[in-house]
Amino acid sequence: MEFDVVIVGAGPAGLSAAIRLKQLAAQAQTELSVVVLEKGSEVGAHILSGAVIDPEALNRLIPDWKEKGAPLNTRVSKDVFMILGPGGAVRLPNFLMPPLLNNHGNYIVSLGNLCRWLAEQAEALGVEIYPGFAAAEVLYHADGSVKGVATGDMGIGRDGHPKDSFMRGMELHGKYTFFGEGVRGSLAKILIEKFGLDEGKEPQKFGLGLKELWQVDPARHNQGLVQHTFGWPLNSRTGGGSFIYHLEDNMVAVGFVVHLNYKNPYLSPFDEFQRFKTHPGIAGLFEGGKRISYGARAISEGGLQSIPRLIFPGGALLGCSAGMVNVPRIKGTHNAMASGMIAAEAAFDAIGDDRSNDELV
């Protein structure tokens, strides 16, 4: 299957790239074929984040997002930072906190719902989105430039043999291929090594983030509240912290992050998360509540100095595949979206100049 641009991953970065490509094509009154592959059974199925987002990138991508019904329903109304001890807590005055931690004007969202909405906008523009198809292999031209990707075979039995439902994987070729697989994406790792994209960069660092979504007692709910904590139950030699975000409809997202450079081989991030919820200053929030869902994911924490070279012959890395999280701000969605938009603009200009499979500069 031949396309102008192939995008791996229907996260904020990949979908923003797809939308921007189609917007530019419409403005130029030209045709441009764009396809997005998503390994999850539906868009948003593999999205897990807090999330408090800075709407700056969305404002640029879809200025009338409010009128179009984007699921940004809860504006941050209050920031709280606390240091926890075993039996108590100290709140840090907001005026002592760095300005970059100020969430004024930001929104508490379900990032999965936002991605589903972005997918709707992309499809309305003519983007083809194929959920349930994971890109399993990078394809190359004879000169070593990226040609596209191949999806994995489906319908393989436990014994390794094809079942009656067997379906051979597809090859998708593009003039340019974008990889927005998320943290430590399998294909992104291959590309970083093949093209030496991390040469001269600091090693990437990672954290493990665990999250639960709770429906809490309305009397304990404070819509718009953003709370972060540091300290207990982690010791001074183990980095990490927590977040508690009060969404709409009495829903609360609670999460715990542990930096993966901890020394104690017996430490369990999951168990530390459960201990955190027993703290006297935290436990009351969950009394009478119900846990709705839960999950975990890796987080890139290396920062600007660890971001690899983003372009290579035939494509680019987007979003968390490139480590776009701004750790001091505790945010990355806006950076991921911006990376997709910038890559889209470069690819559109290149295709307009009859270029393909070269480096987007």
Protein backbone atom coordinates (compact mmCIF):
# COMPACT_ATOMS: atom_id res chain seq x y z
CA MET A 1 0.00 0.00 0.00
CA GLU A 2 1.43 3.34 -1.06
CA PHE A 3 0.93 6.61 0.85
CA ASP A 4 2.50 10.01 0.96
CA VAL A 5 3.04 9.79 4.72
CA VAL A 6 2.84 6.75 7.00
CA ILE A 7 2.47 7.43 10.74
CA VAL A 8 3.08 4.78 13.40
CA GLY A 9 1.09 5.45 16.56
CA ALA A 10 -2.22 7.25 17.13
CA GLY A 11 -1.09 9.24 20.13
CA PRO A 12 -1.07 13.03 20.45
CA ALA A 13 2.05 13.36 18.29
CA GLY A 14 0.99 11.07 15.45
CA LEU A 15 -2.56 12.40 15.26
CA SER A 16 -1.36 16.01 15.34
CA ALA A 17 1.00 15.25 12.47
CA ALA A 18 -1.81 13.64 10.47
CA ILE A 19 -4.20 16.55 11.07
CA ARG A 20 -1.59 19.15 10.17
CA LEU A 21 -0.68 17.36 6.94
CA LYS A 22 -4.30 17.31 5.83
CA GLN A 23 -4.83 20.93 6.86
CA LEU A 24 -1.89 22.01 4.72
CA ALA A 25 -3.11 19.92 1.79
CA ALA A 26 -6.56 21.50 2.01
CA GLN A 27 -5.08 24.99 2.13
CA ALA A 28 -2.98 24.22 -0.96
CA GLN A 29 -5.92 22.48 -2.67
CA THR A 30 -3.86 19.37 -3.30
CA GLU A 31 -4.26 15.68 -2.51
CA LEU A 32 -2.13 14.04 0.16
CA SER A 33 -2.59 10.48 1.40
CA VAL A 34 -1.94 9.94 5.11
CA VAL A 35 -2.33 6.72 7.10
CA VAL A 36 -2.01 6.12 10.85
CA LEU A 37 -1.35 2.67 12.32
CA GLU A 38 -2.42 2.07 15.93
CA LYS A 39 -1.57 -1.13 17.79
CA GLY A 40 -4.43 -0.73 20.26
CA SER A 41 -7.85 -2.18 19.52
CA GLU A 42 -9.12 1.40 19.35
CA VAL A 43 -7.55 4.83 19.42
CA GLY A 44 -6.79 5.67 23.04
CA ALA A 45 -6.61 2.05 24.20
CA HIS A 46 -2.87 2.31 24.94
CA ILE A 47 -2.88 5.91 26.15
CA LEU A 48 -2.13 6.38 29.84
CA SER A 49 -1.29 9.76 31.33
CA GLY A 50 -2.26 12.07 34.21
CA ALA A 51 -2.93 14.36 32.52
CA VAL A 52 -2.65 18.10 32.92
CA ILE A 53 -2.02 19.61 29.51
CA ASP A 54 -0.92 23.00 28.30
CA PRO A 55 -3.38 23.84 25.47
CA GLU A 56 -0.80 25.89 23.54
CA ALA A 57 -0.21 23.25 20.86
CA LEU A 58 -3.93 22.47 20.53
CA ASN A 59 -4.63 26.18 20.11
CA ARG A 60 -2.25 26.21 17.16
CA LEU A 61 -3.51 22.98 15.63
CA ILE A 62 -7.27 23.49 15.99
CA PRO A 63 -7.95 27.06 17.15
CA ASP A 64 -11.71 26.42 17.42
CA TRP A 65 -11.35 23.26 19.50
CA LYS A 66 -13.88 24.50 22.06
CA GLU A 67 -16.58 24.91 19.42
CA LYS A 68 -15.73 21.48 18.02
CA GLY A 69 -16.27 19.82 21.38
CA ALA A 70 -12.76 18.87 22.44
CA PRO A 71 -12.91 17.03 25.79
CA LEU A 72 -11.11 19.71 27.78
CA ASN A 73 -13.76 20.25 30.43
CA THR A 74 -11.80 20.92 33.61
CA ARG A 75 -9.61 23.98 33.85
CA VAL A 76 -7.05 23.89 36.65
CA SER A 77 -8.36 26.00 39.53
CA LYS A 78 -5.81 25.30 42.25
CA ASP A 79 -2.22 24.04 42.56
CA VAL A 80 -1.02 22.30 45.72
CA PHE A 81 2.55 21.06 46.36
CA MET A 82 3.29 19.02 49.46
CA ILE A 83 6.22 17.25 51.06
CA LEU A 84 5.06 14.11 52.87
CA GLY A 85 6.53 12.53 55.98
CA PRO A 86 5.42 9.23 57.55
CA GLY A 87 2.71 10.90 59.62
CA GLY A 88 2.25 14.39 58.30
CA ALA A 89 2.73 16.81 55.44
CA VAL A 90 4.04 20.30 54.77
CA ARG A 91 2.47 22.39 52.04
CA LEU A 92 4.91 24.46 50.01
CA PRO A 93 3.71 28.03 49.39
CA ASN A 94 2.93 28.54 45.72
CA PHE A 95 4.96 31.75 45.56
CA LEU A 96 8.08 29.71 46.34
CA MET A 97 7.50 27.33 43.44
CA PRO A 98 9.17 27.92 40.05
CA PRO A 99 6.85 29.64 37.54
CA LEU A 100 7.12 26.65 35.20
CA LEU A 101 5.11 24.63 37.74
CA ASN A 102 2.21 27.08 37.57
CA ASN A 103 -0.77 25.36 35.93
CA HIS A 104 -2.84 28.51 35.38
CA GLY A 105 -4.65 28.16 32.06
CA ASN A 106 -4.02 24.42 31.80
CA TYR A 107 -6.61 21.64 31.72
CA ILE A 108 -7.05 18.31 33.50
CA VAL A 109 -8.02 15.78 30.85
CA SER A 110 -8.34 12.15 29.97
CA LEU A 111 -5.61 11.90 27.34
CA GLY A 112 -7.28 8.80 25.92
CA ASN A 113 -10.47 10.77 25.31
CA LEU A 114 -8.49 13.63 23.78
CA CYS A 115 -6.79 11.21 21.38
CA ARG A 116 -10.14 9.73 20.40
CA TRP A 117 -11.38 13.24 19.64
CA LEU A 118 -8.24 14.05 17.65
CA ALA A 119 -8.79 10.85 15.66
CA GLU A 120 -12.30 12.01 14.79
CA GLN A 121 -10.90 15.33 13.55
CA ALA A 122 -8.25 13.52 11.52
CA GLU A 123 -10.73 11.16 9.88
CA ALA A 124 -13.02 14.08 9.04
CA LEU A 125 -10.09 15.51 7.07
CA GLY A 126 -9.54 12.25 5.21
CA VAL A 127 -6.84 10.55 7.27
CA GLU A 128 -6.99 6.74 7.22
CA ILE A 129 -6.64 5.28 10.73
CA TYR A 130 -6.20 1.55 11.26
CA PRO A 131 -6.52 0.49 14.92
CA GLY A 132 -5.54 -3.05 15.82
CA PHE A 133 -2.54 -3.09 13.48
CA ALA A 134 0.91 -2.90 15.05
CA ALA A 135 3.89 -1.94 12.94
CA ALA A 136 6.29 -4.84 13.43
CA GLU A 137 9.15 -4.08 11.04
CA VAL A 138 10.87 -1.10 9.43
CA LEU A 139 11.27 -1.39 5.66
CA TYR A 140 14.24 0.14 3.85
CA HIS A 141 15.21 1.13 0.34
CA ALA A 142 18.41 -0.22 -1.18
CA ASP A 143 20.20 2.99 -0.19
CA GLY A 144 19.26 2.47 3.47
CA SER A 145 16.56 5.12 3.67
CA VAL A 146 13.28 4.22 5.36
CA LYS A 147 10.66 2.97 2.91
CA GLY A 148 7.81 2.33 5.34
CA VAL A 149 6.70 -0.37 7.75
CA ALA A 150 5.20 -3.83 7.74
CA THR A 151 2.49 -4.96 10.14
CA GLY A 152 2.77 -8.27 11.94
CA ASP A 153 1.09 -11.46 10.82
CA MET A 154 -2.24 -12.12 12.54
CA GLY A 155 -3.95 -15.40 13.38
CA ILE A 156 -0.92 -17.30 14.70
CA GLY A 157 -1.70 -20.11 17.13
CA ARG A 158 0.09 -20.78 20.41
CA ASP A 159 2.08 -23.47 18.66
CA GLY A 160 3.43 -20.90 16.23
CA HIS A 161 1.48 -22.22 13.26
CA PRO A 162 -1.13 -20.28 11.25
CA LYS A 163 -4.77 -20.73 12.26
CA ASP A 164 -7.77 -20.60 9.94
CA SER A 165 -7.97 -16.88 10.66
CA PHE A 166 -4.36 -16.29 9.57
CA MET A 167 -3.73 -13.01 7.76
CA ARG A 168 -0.37 -12.00 6.37
CA GLY A 169 0.98 -8.64 7.51
CA MET A 170 0.76 -5.68 5.17
CA GLU A 171 3.51 -3.46 3.81
CA LEU A 172 2.81 0.27 3.94
CA HIS A 173 5.19 2.45 1.96
CA GLY A 174 5.48 6.20 2.34
CA LYS A 175 7.50 9.06 0.98
CA TYR A 176 8.09 9.77 4.66
CA THR A 177 7.36 7.66 7.73
CA PHE A 178 6.84 9.10 11.22
CA PHE A 179 7.33 7.03 14.35
CA GLY A 180 5.27 8.06 17.40
CA GLU A 181 5.21 4.76 19.29
CA GLY A 182 5.65 6.18 22.76
CA VAL A 183 8.45 5.55 25.24
CA ARG A 184 11.01 2.91 24.19
CA GLY A 185 9.10 2.08 21.03
CA SER A 186 10.45 -1.10 19.48
CA LEU A 187 10.92 0.41 16.02
CA ALA A 188 12.25 3.70 17.37
CA LYS A 189 14.97 1.82 19.25
CA ILE A 190 16.00 0.12 16.00
CA LEU A 191 16.11 3.43 14.14
CA ILE A 192 18.07 5.22 16.88
CA GLU A 193 20.71 2.49 16.77
CA LYS A 194 20.80 2.11 12.96
CA PHE A 195 21.23 5.82 12.25
CA GLY A 196 23.20 6.70 15.41
CA LEU A 197 20.59 9.25 16.40
CA ASP A 198 21.75 9.34 20.03
CA GLU A 199 25.42 9.98 19.29
CA GLY A 200 26.69 12.86 21.41
CA LYS A 201 23.55 12.82 23.56
CA GLU A 202 23.17 12.03 27.22
CA PRO A 203 21.71 8.57 27.95
CA GLN A 204 17.95 8.62 28.27
CA LYS A 205 16.55 8.18 31.78
CA PHE A 206 13.26 6.55 32.64
CA GLY A 207 10.63 6.41 35.32
CA LEU A 208 7.74 4.07 35.99
CA GLY A 209 4.36 5.73 36.35
CA LEU A 210 1.35 4.00 37.91
CA LYS A 211 -2.13 5.46 37.74
CA GLU A 212 -5.60 4.73 39.05
CA LEU A 213 -8.87 6.42 38.17
CA TRP A 214 -11.29 6.75 41.09
CA GLN A 215 -14.86 7.87 41.50
CA VAL A 216 -14.92 9.56 44.89
CA ASP A 217 -17.50 10.84 47.34
CA PRO A 218 -18.81 14.18 46.01
CA ALA A 219 -18.10 15.72 49.40
CA ARG A 220 -14.41 14.93 48.94
CA HIS A 221 -14.20 16.07 45.32
CA ASN A 222 -12.67 19.42 44.36
CA GLN A 223 -12.97 19.84 40.59
CA GLY A 224 -9.93 21.54 39.09
CA LEU A 225 -7.56 20.76 41.97
CA VAL A 226 -4.04 19.67 40.98
CA GLN A 227 -1.95 18.21 43.79
CA HIS A 228 1.64 16.95 43.66
CA THR A 229 3.61 15.40 46.51
CA PHE A 230 7.23 14.46 47.14
CA GLY A 231 8.87 12.45 49.89
CA TRP A 232 7.22 9.57 51.76
CA PRO A 233 6.96 6.67 51.12
CA LEU A 234 10.17 7.07 49.08
CA ASN A 235 13.42 7.71 50.93
CA SER A 236 15.98 10.40 50.15
CA ARG A 237 17.89 8.06 47.84
CA THR A 238 14.89 7.25 45.63
CA GLY A 239 13.43 9.83 43.28
CA GLY A 240 9.78 10.16 42.43
CA GLY A 241 6.48 11.61 43.57
CA SER A 242 2.73 11.56 43.19
CA PHE A 243 -0.08 13.39 41.46
CA ILE A 244 -3.78 13.75 42.27
CA TYR A 245 -5.94 15.44 39.64
CA HIS A 246 -9.63 16.18 40.24
CA LEU A 247 -11.52 15.88 36.95
CA GLU A 248 -15.24 16.41 36.36
CA ASP A 249 -18.06 14.10 37.52
CA ASN A 250 -16.39 13.24 40.86
CA MET A 251 -13.54 11.49 39.05
CA VAL A 252 -10.00 11.67 40.41
CA ALA A 253 -6.80 10.51 38.71
CA VAL A 254 -4.16 9.46 41.23
CA GLY A 255 -0.69 8.38 40.21
CA PHE A 256 2.76 7.59 41.50
CA VAL A 257 6.09 7.84 39.68
CA VAL A 258 9.38 6.21 40.65
CA HIS A 259 12.61 7.05 38.86
CA LEU A 260 14.14 3.81 37.63
CA ASN A 261 17.62 4.49 39.00
CA TYR A 262 16.69 3.29 42.49
CA LYS A 263 19.30 1.15 44.25
CA ASN A 264 17.10 -1.07 46.42
CA PRO A 265 16.48 -4.32 44.48
CA TYR A 266 13.55 -5.14 46.76
CA LEU A 267 11.65 -1.91 46.10
CA SER A 268 8.30 -2.41 44.37
CA PRO A 269 6.91 0.77 42.76
CA PHE A 270 3.42 -0.75 42.88
CA ASP A 271 3.66 -1.45 46.60
CA GLU A 272 5.00 2.06 47.24
CA PHE A 273 2.01 3.46 45.36
CA GLN A 274 -0.37 1.52 47.59
CA ARG A 275 1.51 2.71 50.70
CA PHE A 276 1.23 6.29 49.50
CA LYS A 277 -2.58 6.03 49.48
CA THR A 278 -2.54 5.12 53.20
CA HIS A 279 -0.94 8.41 54.23
CA PRO A 280 -3.14 10.27 56.76
CA GLY A 281 -3.29 13.30 54.49
CA ILE A 282 -4.28 11.26 51.44
CA ALA A 283 -6.33 8.25 52.56
CA GLY A 284 -9.50 10.19 53.32
CA LEU A 285 -9.96 11.08 49.66
CA PHE A 286 -10.64 7.45 48.80
CA GLU A 287 -13.06 6.63 51.64
CA GLY A 288 -16.38 5.62 50.12
CA GLY A 289 -14.88 5.79 46.64
CA LYS A 290 -14.49 3.20 43.92
CA ARG A 291 -11.49 2.44 41.74
CA ILE A 292 -12.61 2.46 38.10
CA SER A 293 -9.44 1.57 36.21
CA TYR A 294 -5.68 1.33 36.58
CA GLY A 295 -2.52 0.99 34.55
CA ALA A 296 1.19 1.70 34.30
CA ARG A 297 3.65 3.04 31.75
CA ALA A 298 7.26 4.06 31.30
CA ILE A 299 8.14 7.76 31.25
CA SER A 300 11.14 9.33 29.51
CA GLU A 301 12.88 11.63 31.99
CA GLY A 302 16.20 12.49 30.37
CA GLY A 303 15.15 15.95 29.27
CA LEU A 304 16.47 18.11 26.46
CA GLN A 305 20.02 16.79 26.64
CA SER A 306 18.79 13.23 26.01
CA ILE A 307 16.59 13.91 22.97
CA PRO A 308 18.13 12.12 19.97
CA ARG A 309 18.46 13.56 16.50
CA LEU A 310 14.86 13.51 15.30
CA ILE A 311 15.32 13.01 11.56
CA PHE A 312 16.82 10.29 9.42
CA PRO A 313 16.57 9.42 5.72
CA GLY A 314 12.89 8.83 5.10
CA GLY A 315 11.30 9.87 8.35
CA ALA A 316 11.28 11.32 11.85
CA LEU A 317 10.75 10.46 15.51
CA LEU A 318 7.79 12.09 17.27
CA GLY A 319 6.64 12.60 20.84
CA CYS A 320 7.71 10.18 23.53
CA SER A 321 9.61 8.09 21.00
CA ALA A 322 12.03 11.02 21.10
CA GLY A 323 11.65 11.77 24.83
CA MET A 324 9.62 14.98 24.63
CA VAL A 325 8.62 15.09 28.32
CA ASN A 326 9.55 18.31 30.10
CA VAL A 327 10.23 16.83 33.54
CA PRO A 328 10.44 20.13 35.50
CA ARG A 329 6.99 21.08 34.13
CA ILE A 330 5.61 17.55 34.62
CA LYS A 331 4.22 17.76 31.08
CA GLY A 332 4.89 16.46 27.59
CA THR A 333 1.66 16.32 25.60
CA HIS A 334 2.02 19.82 24.17
CA ASN A 335 5.61 19.06 23.13
CA ALA A 336 4.53 15.80 21.51
CA MET A 337 1.82 17.55 19.53
CA ALA A 338 4.22 20.30 18.47
CA SER A 339 6.77 17.75 17.27
CA GLY A 340 4.12 16.14 15.07
CA MET A 341 3.03 19.47 13.64
CA ILE A 342 6.59 20.57 12.83
CA ALA A 343 7.38 17.23 11.18
CA ALA A 344 4.17 17.48 9.16
CA GLU A 345 5.04 20.94 7.89
CA ALA A 346 8.53 19.80 6.86
CA ALA A 347 7.18 16.71 5.08
CA PHE A 348 4.49 18.68 3.27
CA ASP A 349 7.06 21.15 1.94
CA ALA A 350 9.37 18.31 0.90
CA ILE A 351 6.64 16.41 -0.95
CA GLY A 352 5.63 19.64 -2.66
CA ASP A 353 9.22 19.89 -3.92
CA ASP A 354 9.03 16.31 -5.29
CA ARG A 355 11.37 15.03 -2.59
CA SER A 356 11.00 11.71 -0.80
CA ASN A 357 12.85 9.43 1.58
CA ASP A 358 15.50 12.01 2.42
CA GLU A 359 16.16 13.93 5.62
CA LEU A 360 13.56 16.53 6.55
CA VAL A 361 15.55 19.67 7.24
